[in-house]
Amino acid sequence: MKQKRILLVRHGETDWNRTERIQGMEDIPLNPMGKVQASFVAKEIATIVRGDAELVSSDLVRTRETAKPIIDATGLAARYDARLRERHFGVLQGKTYTEWREMDAEGARRHAEGDQDYGPEGGETAREFYLRCVNAITDLAIACDEPTLLIVTHGGVVSSMYRHSQGIGAMGARAWSVPNCSISEWRFDGANFYCDRIGDDSFLQEALDEVDAK
């Protein structure tokens, strides 16, 4: 199988990102900054993708709103897949991390210590979420008929794929970040994912600096 390029774009900023509320599968729209970020990542993607790509997005509103300027900039048609949603955090959705620790100190401790089988009430465990992400993106990559698969998704999904490609498991120690509207990139040979960059938002910072300078 010829190698494919897999590009994962995290959605733009929301008000809940700014206030550090757990979004999970709650349908939170982009805020004004998130819309600006989405316009800039669309311009960057248009320089990378020349039409020979397939575009798939999470079906939540914040990813749909991020995908829209990419669709406009590239002419690609998008499909929406619920398997690409963020981790379901059950009763913790809408809570801040401080509120989480107050509500469920034991669960917050298990999460911090990397317990793959911890999941908040009504939500997914880390292991369930990790396997959902890896299986969904592997399926999409295998089925993709184009040389590039472009996915608009969430930070947790991107991190799950990074963990998978680095062999560090669902809750391995984290030493990377996935900023809003960053691009992460892998090569896929039909069986393995090889990461070339993770959480790259250098293009976004340059664009925002230009806006600030005007």
N, C-alpha and C. Protein backbone atom coordinates (compact mmCIF):
# COMPACT_ATOMS: atom_id res chain seq x y z
N MET A 1 0.85 -1.20 0.00
CA MET A 1 0.00 0.00 0.00
C MET A 1 0.88 1.25 0.00
N LYS A 2 0.57 2.19 -0.87
CA LYS A 2 1.31 3.45 -0.91
C LYS A 2 1.00 4.26 0.35
N GLN A 3 2.01 4.92 0.90
CA GLN A 3 1.79 5.71 2.11
C GLN A 3 0.79 6.83 1.87
N LYS A 4 -0.02 7.08 2.89
CA LYS A 4 -0.97 8.18 2.85
C LYS A 4 -0.56 9.21 3.90
N ARG A 5 -0.92 10.45 3.63
CA ARG A 5 -0.69 11.53 4.58
C ARG A 5 -1.99 11.74 5.36
N ILE A 6 -1.87 11.77 6.68
CA ILE A 6 -3.03 11.98 7.55
C ILE A 6 -2.82 13.29 8.29
N LEU A 7 -3.71 14.24 8.07
CA LEU A 7 -3.65 15.54 8.72
C LEU A 7 -4.82 15.68 9.68
N LEU A 8 -4.52 15.97 10.94
CA LEU A 8 -5.56 16.20 11.94
C LEU A 8 -5.51 17.66 12.38
N VAL A 9 -6.64 18.34 12.27
CA VAL A 9 -6.77 19.74 12.69
C VAL A 9 -7.67 19.79 13.92
N ARG A 10 -7.17 20.39 14.99
CA ARG A 10 -8.04 20.61 16.15
C ARG A 10 -8.93 21.82 15.89
N HIS A 11 -10.14 21.79 16.42
CA HIS A 11 -11.08 22.90 16.24
C HIS A 11 -10.55 24.19 16.86
N GLY A 12 -11.17 25.31 16.47
CA GLY A 12 -10.81 26.61 17.01
C GLY A 12 -11.31 26.79 18.44
N GLU A 13 -10.93 27.92 19.00
CA GLU A 13 -11.23 28.20 20.41
C GLU A 13 -12.73 28.41 20.64
N THR A 14 -13.20 27.94 21.79
CA THR A 14 -14.55 28.21 22.26
C THR A 14 -14.46 28.96 23.59
N ASP A 15 -15.58 29.50 24.03
CA ASP A 15 -15.59 30.17 25.33
C ASP A 15 -15.26 29.18 26.45
N TRP A 16 -15.66 27.93 26.28
CA TRP A 16 -15.36 26.92 27.31
C TRP A 16 -13.87 26.57 27.33
N ASN A 17 -13.21 26.62 26.18
CA ASN A 17 -11.75 26.47 26.19
C ASN A 17 -11.12 27.58 27.02
N ARG A 18 -11.61 28.78 26.80
CA ARG A 18 -11.02 29.96 27.45
C ARG A 18 -11.20 29.90 28.97
N THR A 19 -12.34 29.38 29.42
CA THR A 19 -12.62 29.31 30.86
C THR A 19 -12.29 27.94 31.45
N GLU A 20 -11.66 27.08 30.63
CA GLU A 20 -11.22 25.76 31.07
C GLU A 20 -12.36 24.91 31.61
N ARG A 21 -13.47 24.92 30.87
CA ARG A 21 -14.57 24.02 31.19
C ARG A 21 -14.46 22.77 30.33
N ILE A 22 -14.83 21.66 30.90
CA ILE A 22 -14.75 20.38 30.20
C ILE A 22 -15.87 20.31 29.17
N GLN A 23 -15.52 20.24 27.89
CA GLN A 23 -16.54 20.25 26.84
C GLN A 23 -17.05 18.85 26.53
N GLY A 24 -16.13 17.91 26.38
CA GLY A 24 -16.56 16.57 26.02
C GLY A 24 -17.41 16.60 24.78
N MET A 25 -18.60 16.01 24.85
CA MET A 25 -19.50 15.98 23.70
C MET A 25 -20.55 17.08 23.74
N GLU A 26 -20.41 18.04 24.66
CA GLU A 26 -21.33 19.18 24.64
C GLU A 26 -21.09 19.99 23.36
N ASP A 27 -22.16 20.50 22.79
CA ASP A 27 -22.07 21.16 21.48
C ASP A 27 -21.84 22.66 21.65
N ILE A 28 -20.59 23.04 21.83
CA ILE A 28 -20.23 24.43 22.11
C ILE A 28 -19.66 25.07 20.83
N PRO A 29 -20.19 26.22 20.40
CA PRO A 29 -19.71 26.85 19.17
C PRO A 29 -18.37 27.56 19.37
N LEU A 30 -17.74 27.91 18.26
CA LEU A 30 -16.53 28.72 18.31
C LEU A 30 -16.84 30.12 18.83
N ASN A 31 -15.89 30.70 19.53
CA ASN A 31 -16.01 32.11 19.89
C ASN A 31 -15.36 32.95 18.79
N PRO A 32 -15.37 34.28 18.89
CA PRO A 32 -14.78 35.10 17.81
C PRO A 32 -13.33 34.76 17.50
N MET A 33 -12.51 34.50 18.52
CA MET A 33 -11.12 34.12 18.27
C MET A 33 -11.07 32.78 17.52
N GLY A 34 -11.92 31.84 17.91
CA GLY A 34 -11.94 30.55 17.24
C GLY A 34 -12.26 30.67 15.77
N LYS A 35 -13.14 31.61 15.42
CA LYS A 35 -13.49 31.81 14.01
C LYS A 35 -12.32 32.41 13.24
N VAL A 36 -11.57 33.31 13.89
CA VAL A 36 -10.37 33.86 13.26
C VAL A 36 -9.34 32.75 13.05
N GLN A 37 -9.13 31.93 14.07
CA GLN A 37 -8.20 30.81 13.96
C GLN A 37 -8.60 29.88 12.82
N ALA A 38 -9.88 29.59 12.71
CA ALA A 38 -10.36 28.69 11.67
C ALA A 38 -10.09 29.26 10.28
N SER A 39 -10.22 30.58 10.13
CA SER A 39 -9.95 31.18 8.82
C SER A 39 -8.47 31.06 8.46
N PHE A 40 -7.60 31.18 9.46
CA PHE A 40 -6.16 31.08 9.20
C PHE A 40 -5.72 29.65 8.93
N VAL A 41 -6.28 28.70 9.68
CA VAL A 41 -5.89 27.30 9.41
C VAL A 41 -6.40 26.86 8.05
N ALA A 42 -7.52 27.42 7.62
CA ALA A 42 -8.03 27.10 6.29
C ALA A 42 -7.06 27.57 5.20
N LYS A 43 -6.51 28.76 5.39
CA LYS A 43 -5.53 29.27 4.42
C LYS A 43 -4.29 28.38 4.39
N GLU A 44 -3.86 27.93 5.57
CA GLU A 44 -2.69 27.05 5.63
C GLU A 44 -2.97 25.71 4.97
N ILE A 45 -4.12 25.14 5.25
CA ILE A 45 -4.47 23.85 4.65
C ILE A 45 -4.55 23.97 3.13
N ALA A 46 -5.05 25.10 2.64
CA ALA A 46 -5.17 25.29 1.19
C ALA A 46 -3.82 25.30 0.50
N THR A 47 -2.75 25.63 1.25
CA THR A 47 -1.41 25.58 0.66
C THR A 47 -0.84 24.17 0.66
N ILE A 48 -1.42 23.29 1.46
CA ILE A 48 -0.93 21.91 1.60
C ILE A 48 -1.72 20.96 0.72
N VAL A 49 -3.03 21.13 0.71
CA VAL A 49 -3.94 20.20 0.02
C VAL A 49 -4.32 20.79 -1.32
N ARG A 50 -4.15 20.02 -2.36
CA ARG A 50 -4.41 20.50 -3.73
C ARG A 50 -5.61 19.81 -4.38
N GLY A 51 -6.55 19.37 -3.58
CA GLY A 51 -7.74 18.73 -4.13
C GLY A 51 -7.70 17.22 -4.09
N ASP A 52 -6.48 16.67 -3.90
CA ASP A 52 -6.34 15.21 -3.86
C ASP A 52 -6.44 14.72 -2.42
N ALA A 53 -7.54 15.07 -1.77
CA ALA A 53 -7.70 14.75 -0.36
C ALA A 53 -9.16 14.44 -0.06
N GLU A 54 -9.34 13.73 1.03
CA GLU A 54 -10.67 13.46 1.56
C GLU A 54 -10.80 14.18 2.89
N LEU A 55 -11.92 14.86 3.12
CA LEU A 55 -12.15 15.64 4.34
C LEU A 55 -13.26 15.00 5.17
N VAL A 56 -12.92 14.68 6.41
CA VAL A 56 -13.89 14.12 7.35
C VAL A 56 -13.80 14.93 8.64
N SER A 57 -14.94 15.26 9.21
CA SER A 57 -14.97 16.08 10.42
C SER A 57 -15.84 15.42 11.49
N SER A 58 -15.48 15.66 12.74
CA SER A 58 -16.41 15.39 13.83
C SER A 58 -17.71 16.15 13.54
N ASP A 59 -18.81 15.62 14.03
CA ASP A 59 -20.11 16.25 13.73
C ASP A 59 -20.54 17.29 14.75
N LEU A 60 -19.69 17.60 15.74
CA LEU A 60 -20.05 18.63 16.70
C LEU A 60 -19.89 20.03 16.08
N VAL A 61 -20.60 21.00 16.63
CA VAL A 61 -20.68 22.32 15.99
C VAL A 61 -19.31 23.00 15.93
N ARG A 62 -18.48 22.83 16.95
CA ARG A 62 -17.19 23.53 16.93
C ARG A 62 -16.25 22.98 15.85
N THR A 63 -16.40 21.72 15.51
CA THR A 63 -15.59 21.17 14.42
C THR A 63 -16.22 21.49 13.07
N ARG A 64 -17.53 21.50 13.01
CA ARG A 64 -18.20 21.89 11.76
C ARG A 64 -17.85 23.34 11.39
N GLU A 65 -17.85 24.21 12.40
CA GLU A 65 -17.52 25.62 12.15
C GLU A 65 -16.06 25.80 11.77
N THR A 66 -15.19 24.92 12.26
CA THR A 66 -13.79 24.96 11.86
C THR A 66 -13.61 24.41 10.45
N ALA A 67 -14.38 23.40 10.11
CA ALA A 67 -14.27 22.78 8.78
C ALA A 67 -14.81 23.68 7.67
N LYS A 68 -15.78 24.56 8.00
CA LYS A 68 -16.44 25.34 6.96
C LYS A 68 -15.46 26.20 6.15
N PRO A 69 -14.59 27.01 6.77
CA PRO A 69 -13.65 27.78 5.94
C PRO A 69 -12.64 26.89 5.20
N ILE A 70 -12.35 25.71 5.73
CA ILE A 70 -11.49 24.77 5.00
C ILE A 70 -12.19 24.28 3.74
N ILE A 71 -13.46 23.99 3.86
CA ILE A 71 -14.26 23.59 2.69
C ILE A 71 -14.26 24.71 1.65
N ASP A 72 -14.47 25.94 2.11
CA ASP A 72 -14.51 27.09 1.20
C ASP A 72 -13.15 27.31 0.53
N ALA A 73 -12.06 27.11 1.28
CA ALA A 73 -10.72 27.40 0.76
C ALA A 73 -10.20 26.33 -0.18
N THR A 74 -10.64 25.09 0.03
CA THR A 74 -10.10 23.96 -0.75
C THR A 74 -11.07 23.40 -1.78
N GLY A 75 -12.36 23.66 -1.61
CA GLY A 75 -13.35 23.07 -2.50
C GLY A 75 -13.67 21.62 -2.18
N LEU A 76 -13.12 21.13 -1.06
CA LEU A 76 -13.38 19.74 -0.68
C LEU A 76 -14.79 19.60 -0.11
N ALA A 77 -15.39 18.46 -0.35
CA ALA A 77 -16.66 18.14 0.29
C ALA A 77 -16.37 17.43 1.60
N ALA A 78 -17.15 17.72 2.62
CA ALA A 78 -16.90 17.12 3.93
C ALA A 78 -17.91 16.04 4.26
N ARG A 79 -17.44 15.03 4.95
CA ARG A 79 -18.31 14.05 5.60
C ARG A 79 -18.17 14.24 7.10
N TYR A 80 -19.20 13.88 7.85
CA TYR A 80 -19.20 14.07 9.29
C TYR A 80 -19.36 12.72 9.98
N ASP A 81 -18.52 12.49 10.97
CA ASP A 81 -18.44 11.17 11.60
C ASP A 81 -18.43 11.35 13.12
N ALA A 82 -19.44 10.82 13.79
CA ALA A 82 -19.56 10.97 15.25
C ALA A 82 -18.45 10.25 15.99
N ARG A 83 -17.77 9.31 15.34
CA ARG A 83 -16.67 8.59 16.01
C ARG A 83 -15.48 9.52 16.28
N LEU A 84 -15.46 10.68 15.64
CA LEU A 84 -14.36 11.63 15.79
C LEU A 84 -14.63 12.67 16.87
N ARG A 85 -15.69 12.48 17.64
CA ARG A 85 -16.01 13.41 18.72
C ARG A 85 -15.00 13.31 19.86
N GLU A 86 -14.99 14.36 20.68
CA GLU A 86 -14.16 14.37 21.89
C GLU A 86 -14.66 13.30 22.86
N ARG A 87 -13.84 13.00 23.83
CA ARG A 87 -14.21 12.02 24.86
C ARG A 87 -15.46 12.48 25.60
N HIS A 88 -16.36 11.54 25.86
CA HIS A 88 -17.56 11.85 26.64
C HIS A 88 -17.18 11.85 28.12
N PHE A 89 -17.36 13.01 28.75
CA PHE A 89 -17.01 13.15 30.16
C PHE A 89 -18.21 13.10 31.08
N GLY A 90 -19.34 12.61 30.59
CA GLY A 90 -20.49 12.36 31.45
C GLY A 90 -20.89 13.56 32.29
N VAL A 91 -21.04 13.31 33.61
CA VAL A 91 -21.53 14.35 34.51
C VAL A 91 -20.55 15.50 34.68
N LEU A 92 -19.31 15.32 34.21
CA LEU A 92 -18.31 16.38 34.35
C LEU A 92 -18.37 17.42 33.24
N GLN A 93 -19.12 17.15 32.19
CA GLN A 93 -19.21 18.11 31.09
C GLN A 93 -19.86 19.39 31.58
N GLY A 94 -19.19 20.50 31.27
CA GLY A 94 -19.64 21.80 31.73
C GLY A 94 -19.00 22.25 33.02
N LYS A 95 -18.27 21.35 33.67
CA LYS A 95 -17.59 21.69 34.92
C LYS A 95 -16.16 22.16 34.63
N THR A 96 -15.62 22.98 35.51
CA THR A 96 -14.21 23.33 35.43
C THR A 96 -13.41 22.19 36.07
N TYR A 97 -12.11 22.23 35.85
CA TYR A 97 -11.26 21.19 36.45
C TYR A 97 -11.23 21.32 37.97
N THR A 98 -11.35 22.54 38.47
CA THR A 98 -11.43 22.74 39.92
C THR A 98 -12.71 22.12 40.47
N GLU A 99 -13.83 22.32 39.77
CA GLU A 99 -15.10 21.73 40.19
C GLU A 99 -15.03 20.20 40.13
N TRP A 100 -14.34 19.67 39.12
CA TRP A 100 -14.16 18.22 39.03
C TRP A 100 -13.48 17.69 40.31
N ARG A 101 -12.38 18.33 40.69
CA ARG A 101 -11.65 17.87 41.87
C ARG A 101 -12.50 17.97 43.13
N GLU A 102 -13.38 18.98 43.17
CA GLU A 102 -14.26 19.13 44.33
C GLU A 102 -15.38 18.09 44.33
N MET A 103 -15.90 17.78 43.15
CA MET A 103 -17.00 16.82 43.02
C MET A 103 -16.54 15.39 43.20
N ASP A 104 -15.38 15.08 42.64
CA ASP A 104 -14.93 13.69 42.56
C ASP A 104 -13.42 13.63 42.71
N ALA A 105 -12.96 13.85 43.93
CA ALA A 105 -11.52 13.88 44.19
C ALA A 105 -10.87 12.56 43.83
N GLU A 106 -11.54 11.45 44.13
CA GLU A 106 -10.98 10.14 43.82
C GLU A 106 -10.84 9.93 42.32
N GLY A 107 -11.88 10.31 41.56
CA GLY A 107 -11.81 10.19 40.11
C GLY A 107 -10.74 11.09 39.52
N ALA A 108 -10.62 12.31 40.01
CA ALA A 108 -9.59 13.22 39.52
C ALA A 108 -8.20 12.66 39.81
N ARG A 109 -8.05 12.02 40.98
CA ARG A 109 -6.76 11.41 41.33
C ARG A 109 -6.45 10.26 40.38
N ARG A 110 -7.43 9.40 40.13
CA ARG A 110 -7.22 8.26 39.22
C ARG A 110 -6.86 8.75 37.82
N HIS A 111 -7.54 9.80 37.37
CA HIS A 111 -7.24 10.36 36.06
C HIS A 111 -5.81 10.90 36.03
N ALA A 112 -5.42 11.65 37.05
CA ALA A 112 -4.09 12.25 37.10
C ALA A 112 -3.00 11.18 37.15
N GLU A 113 -3.32 10.05 37.76
CA GLU A 113 -2.34 8.97 37.89
C GLU A 113 -2.32 8.04 36.68
N GLY A 114 -3.16 8.33 35.68
CA GLY A 114 -3.11 7.57 34.44
C GLY A 114 -3.91 6.29 34.43
N ASP A 115 -4.96 6.23 35.23
CA ASP A 115 -5.82 5.03 35.27
C ASP A 115 -6.63 4.94 33.98
N GLN A 116 -6.31 3.99 33.13
CA GLN A 116 -6.97 3.86 31.83
C GLN A 116 -8.43 3.42 31.96
N ASP A 117 -8.78 2.83 33.09
CA ASP A 117 -10.13 2.31 33.27
C ASP A 117 -11.02 3.24 34.08
N TYR A 118 -10.52 4.44 34.39
CA TYR A 118 -11.37 5.43 35.04
C TYR A 118 -12.22 6.14 33.99
N GLY A 119 -13.49 6.30 34.31
CA GLY A 119 -14.39 7.10 33.49
C GLY A 119 -15.41 7.77 34.38
N PRO A 120 -15.71 9.05 34.16
CA PRO A 120 -16.73 9.72 34.98
C PRO A 120 -18.10 9.11 34.75
N GLU A 121 -18.98 9.29 35.69
CA GLU A 121 -20.34 8.75 35.57
C GLU A 121 -20.98 9.21 34.27
N GLY A 122 -21.46 8.26 33.48
CA GLY A 122 -22.12 8.57 32.21
C GLY A 122 -21.16 8.82 31.07
N GLY A 123 -19.86 8.69 31.29
CA GLY A 123 -18.87 8.98 30.26
C GLY A 123 -18.03 7.77 29.88
N GLU A 124 -17.01 8.03 29.08
CA GLU A 124 -16.12 6.98 28.60
C GLU A 124 -14.90 6.86 29.51
N THR A 125 -14.37 5.64 29.62
CA THR A 125 -13.07 5.49 30.25
C THR A 125 -12.00 5.95 29.26
N ALA A 126 -10.80 6.20 29.77
CA ALA A 126 -9.69 6.60 28.89
C ALA A 126 -9.43 5.51 27.86
N ARG A 127 -9.51 4.26 28.27
CA ARG A 127 -9.25 3.15 27.34
C ARG A 127 -10.31 3.09 26.23
N GLU A 128 -11.57 3.25 26.61
CA GLU A 128 -12.65 3.22 25.62
C GLU A 128 -12.49 4.34 24.60
N PHE A 129 -12.17 5.52 25.09
CA PHE A 129 -12.00 6.67 24.20
C PHE A 129 -10.81 6.46 23.26
N TYR A 130 -9.70 6.04 23.80
CA TYR A 130 -8.49 5.79 23.02
C TYR A 130 -8.77 4.79 21.89
N LEU A 131 -9.41 3.69 22.22
CA LEU A 131 -9.69 2.66 21.21
C LEU A 131 -10.68 3.18 20.17
N ARG A 132 -11.65 3.98 20.59
CA ARG A 132 -12.60 4.56 19.62
C ARG A 132 -11.85 5.42 18.61
N CYS A 133 -10.96 6.28 19.11
CA CYS A 133 -10.22 7.18 18.22
C CYS A 133 -9.33 6.40 17.25
N VAL A 134 -8.53 5.50 17.79
CA VAL A 134 -7.58 4.75 16.96
C VAL A 134 -8.32 3.92 15.92
N ASN A 135 -9.37 3.24 16.34
CA ASN A 135 -10.11 2.39 15.40
C ASN A 135 -10.79 3.22 14.32
N ALA A 136 -11.38 4.35 14.71
CA ALA A 136 -12.08 5.19 13.72
C ALA A 136 -11.11 5.74 12.69
N ILE A 137 -9.98 6.28 13.13
CA ILE A 137 -9.06 6.91 12.19
C ILE A 137 -8.34 5.86 11.36
N THR A 138 -8.05 4.70 11.93
CA THR A 138 -7.48 3.61 11.13
C THR A 138 -8.45 3.19 10.05
N ASP A 139 -9.72 3.03 10.40
CA ASP A 139 -10.74 2.66 9.40
C ASP A 139 -10.83 3.71 8.30
N LEU A 140 -10.85 4.98 8.67
CA LEU A 140 -10.94 6.05 7.68
C LEU A 140 -9.71 6.09 6.79
N ALA A 141 -8.53 5.86 7.38
CA ALA A 141 -7.29 5.90 6.60
C ALA A 141 -7.24 4.75 5.60
N ILE A 142 -7.65 3.58 6.02
CA ILE A 142 -7.65 2.41 5.11
C ILE A 142 -8.64 2.62 3.98
N ALA A 143 -9.80 3.19 4.30
CA ALA A 143 -10.85 3.36 3.28
C ALA A 143 -10.61 4.54 2.36
N CYS A 144 -9.75 5.46 2.75
CA CYS A 144 -9.53 6.68 1.96
C CYS A 144 -8.89 6.34 0.61
N ASP A 145 -9.48 6.84 -0.46
CA ASP A 145 -8.97 6.58 -1.81
C ASP A 145 -8.00 7.66 -2.29
N GLU A 146 -7.84 8.71 -1.50
CA GLU A 146 -6.96 9.81 -1.89
C GLU A 146 -5.62 9.70 -1.15
N PRO A 147 -4.59 10.38 -1.64
CA PRO A 147 -3.29 10.33 -0.94
C PRO A 147 -3.27 11.05 0.39
N THR A 148 -4.24 11.94 0.62
CA THR A 148 -4.29 12.69 1.88
C THR A 148 -5.67 12.56 2.52
N LEU A 149 -5.67 12.26 3.80
CA LEU A 149 -6.89 12.24 4.61
C LEU A 149 -6.80 13.40 5.59
N LEU A 150 -7.74 14.33 5.49
CA LEU A 150 -7.79 15.51 6.34
C LEU A 150 -8.95 15.36 7.31
N ILE A 151 -8.65 15.46 8.60
CA ILE A 151 -9.66 15.25 9.64
C ILE A 151 -9.71 16.47 10.54
N VAL A 152 -10.91 17.01 10.76
CA VAL A 152 -11.11 18.11 11.70
C VAL A 152 -11.74 17.51 12.95
N THR A 153 -11.06 17.64 14.07
CA THR A 153 -11.49 16.91 15.25
C THR A 153 -11.14 17.67 16.53
N HIS A 154 -10.83 16.95 17.59
CA HIS A 154 -10.69 17.51 18.93
C HIS A 154 -9.31 17.16 19.50
N GLY A 155 -8.91 17.93 20.53
CA GLY A 155 -7.59 17.73 21.10
C GLY A 155 -7.37 16.33 21.64
N GLY A 156 -8.37 15.78 22.29
CA GLY A 156 -8.23 14.43 22.83
C GLY A 156 -8.05 13.38 21.76
N VAL A 157 -8.70 13.56 20.63
CA VAL A 157 -8.57 12.62 19.52
C VAL A 157 -7.15 12.69 18.95
N VAL A 158 -6.66 13.92 18.77
CA VAL A 158 -5.29 14.09 18.25
C VAL A 158 -4.29 13.44 19.20
N SER A 159 -4.45 13.68 20.49
CA SER A 159 -3.52 13.10 21.46
C SER A 159 -3.60 11.58 21.48
N SER A 160 -4.80 11.04 21.31
CA SER A 160 -4.93 9.58 21.26
C SER A 160 -4.14 9.00 20.10
N MET A 161 -4.19 9.65 18.94
CA MET A 161 -3.43 9.15 17.80
C MET A 161 -1.93 9.31 18.02
N TYR A 162 -1.53 10.37 18.69
CA TYR A 162 -0.12 10.54 19.00
C TYR A 162 0.34 9.45 19.96
N ARG A 163 -0.44 9.18 20.99
CA ARG A 163 -0.11 8.10 21.91
C ARG A 163 0.04 6.78 21.16
N HIS A 164 -0.91 6.52 20.28
CA HIS A 164 -0.89 5.27 19.52
C HIS A 164 0.38 5.17 18.67
N SER A 165 0.70 6.23 17.95
CA SER A 165 1.86 6.18 17.05
C SER A 165 3.18 6.11 17.81
N GLN A 166 3.18 6.60 19.06
CA GLN A 166 4.40 6.56 19.87
C GLN A 166 4.45 5.34 20.79
N GLY A 167 3.37 4.56 20.80
CA GLY A 167 3.34 3.35 21.62
C GLY A 167 3.32 3.60 23.11
N ILE A 168 2.64 4.68 23.54
CA ILE A 168 2.65 5.02 24.97
C ILE A 168 1.29 4.83 25.64
N GLY A 169 0.33 4.22 24.95
CA GLY A 169 -0.92 3.84 25.60
C GLY A 169 -1.88 4.98 25.86
N ALA A 170 -3.05 4.61 26.35
CA ALA A 170 -4.15 5.56 26.49
C ALA A 170 -3.88 6.68 27.48
N MET A 171 -3.03 6.44 28.47
CA MET A 171 -2.78 7.46 29.49
C MET A 171 -1.29 7.61 29.77
N GLY A 172 -0.45 7.42 28.75
CA GLY A 172 0.99 7.62 28.93
C GLY A 172 1.29 9.06 29.28
N ALA A 173 2.41 9.27 29.95
CA ALA A 173 2.80 10.62 30.37
C ALA A 173 2.80 11.58 29.18
N ARG A 174 2.24 12.76 29.37
CA ARG A 174 2.06 13.71 28.28
C ARG A 174 3.13 14.79 28.32
N ALA A 175 3.82 14.95 27.17
CA ALA A 175 4.86 15.96 27.06
C ALA A 175 4.69 16.77 25.78
N TRP A 176 3.45 16.91 25.32
CA TRP A 176 3.15 17.64 24.09
C TRP A 176 1.86 18.43 24.32
N SER A 177 1.57 19.35 23.41
CA SER A 177 0.32 20.10 23.47
C SER A 177 -0.34 20.10 22.10
N VAL A 178 -1.63 20.33 22.10
CA VAL A 178 -2.41 20.39 20.86
C VAL A 178 -3.25 21.66 20.90
N PRO A 179 -2.66 22.81 20.55
CA PRO A 179 -3.40 24.07 20.62
C PRO A 179 -4.59 24.11 19.65
N ASN A 180 -5.50 25.02 19.93
CA ASN A 180 -6.64 25.20 19.03
C ASN A 180 -6.18 25.52 17.62
N CYS A 181 -6.77 24.85 16.65
CA CYS A 181 -6.50 25.02 15.22
C CYS A 181 -5.07 24.66 14.83
N SER A 182 -4.40 23.88 15.65
CA SER A 182 -3.08 23.36 15.26
C SER A 182 -3.26 22.21 14.28
N ILE A 183 -2.18 21.91 13.56
CA ILE A 183 -2.15 20.80 12.60
C ILE A 183 -1.18 19.74 13.10
N SER A 184 -1.61 18.50 13.06
CA SER A 184 -0.75 17.36 13.38
C SER A 184 -0.74 16.44 12.17
N GLU A 185 0.39 15.79 11.93
CA GLU A 185 0.56 15.06 10.66
C GLU A 185 1.23 13.70 10.88
N TRP A 186 0.69 12.71 10.18
CA TRP A 186 1.24 11.36 10.19
C TRP A 186 1.38 10.83 8.77
N ARG A 187 2.25 9.82 8.62
CA ARG A 187 2.28 8.96 7.44
C ARG A 187 1.70 7.61 7.84
N PHE A 188 0.88 7.04 6.96
CA PHE A 188 0.22 5.76 7.25
C PHE A 188 0.54 4.78 6.13
N ASP A 189 1.09 3.62 6.50
CA ASP A 189 1.50 2.63 5.49
C ASP A 189 0.54 1.46 5.35
N GLY A 190 -0.63 1.61 5.93
CA GLY A 190 -1.61 0.53 5.89
C GLY A 190 -1.70 -0.24 7.19
N ALA A 191 -0.68 -0.06 8.03
CA ALA A 191 -0.67 -0.75 9.32
C ALA A 191 -0.20 0.16 10.45
N ASN A 192 0.76 1.03 10.16
CA ASN A 192 1.38 1.86 11.19
C ASN A 192 1.27 3.34 10.86
N PHE A 193 1.18 4.15 11.93
CA PHE A 193 1.17 5.61 11.81
C PHE A 193 2.51 6.15 12.29
N TYR A 194 3.12 7.02 11.49
CA TYR A 194 4.40 7.63 11.83
C TYR A 194 4.19 9.13 11.92
N CYS A 195 4.39 9.68 13.11
CA CYS A 195 4.10 11.09 13.34
C CYS A 195 5.23 11.99 12.85
N ASP A 196 4.89 12.97 12.02
CA ASP A 196 5.86 13.95 11.54
C ASP A 196 5.80 15.27 12.28
N ARG A 197 4.64 15.61 12.83
CA ARG A 197 4.52 16.81 13.66
C ARG A 197 3.26 16.70 14.51
N ILE A 198 3.31 17.33 15.67
CA ILE A 198 2.18 17.28 16.59
C ILE A 198 1.90 18.69 17.11
N GLY A 199 0.64 19.12 17.01
CA GLY A 199 0.23 20.41 17.58
C GLY A 199 0.94 21.61 17.01
N ASP A 200 1.18 21.61 15.69
CA ASP A 200 1.91 22.72 15.06
C ASP A 200 0.96 23.89 14.80
N ASP A 201 1.19 24.98 15.51
CA ASP A 201 0.39 26.20 15.27
C ASP A 201 1.30 27.38 14.94
N SER A 202 2.51 27.11 14.46
CA SER A 202 3.45 28.19 14.13
C SER A 202 2.88 29.13 13.08
N PHE A 203 2.20 28.58 12.09
CA PHE A 203 1.57 29.39 11.04
C PHE A 203 0.49 30.29 11.63
N LEU A 204 -0.19 29.79 12.64
CA LEU A 204 -1.29 30.54 13.26
C LEU A 204 -0.74 31.71 14.06
N GLN A 205 0.33 31.48 14.77
CA GLN A 205 0.94 32.56 15.56
C GLN A 205 1.45 33.68 14.66
N GLU A 206 2.04 33.29 13.53
CA GLU A 206 2.52 34.30 12.58
C GLU A 206 1.37 35.14 12.04
N ALA A 207 0.25 34.47 11.72
CA ALA A 207 -0.91 35.18 11.19
C ALA A 207 -1.50 36.13 12.23
N LEU A 208 -1.61 35.67 13.46
CA LEU A 208 -2.18 36.50 14.53
C LEU A 208 -1.26 37.68 14.83
N ASP A 209 0.04 37.47 14.74
CA ASP A 209 0.99 38.58 14.95
C ASP A 209 0.80 39.65 13.88
N GLU A 210 0.54 39.21 12.64
CA GLU A 210 0.31 40.17 11.56
C GLU A 210 -0.95 40.99 11.81
N VAL A 211 -2.00 40.33 12.33
CA VAL A 211 -3.24 41.04 12.63
C VAL A 211 -2.99 42.06 13.74
N ASP A 212 -2.25 41.66 14.78
CA ASP A 212 -1.96 42.56 15.89
C ASP A 212 -1.15 43.77 15.45
N ALA A 213 -0.31 43.56 14.44
CA ALA A 213 0.59 44.63 13.98
C ALA A 213 -0.14 45.68 13.15
N LYS A 214 -1.34 45.33 12.67
CA LYS A 214 -2.08 46.26 11.80
C LYS A 214 -2.88 47.27 12.62
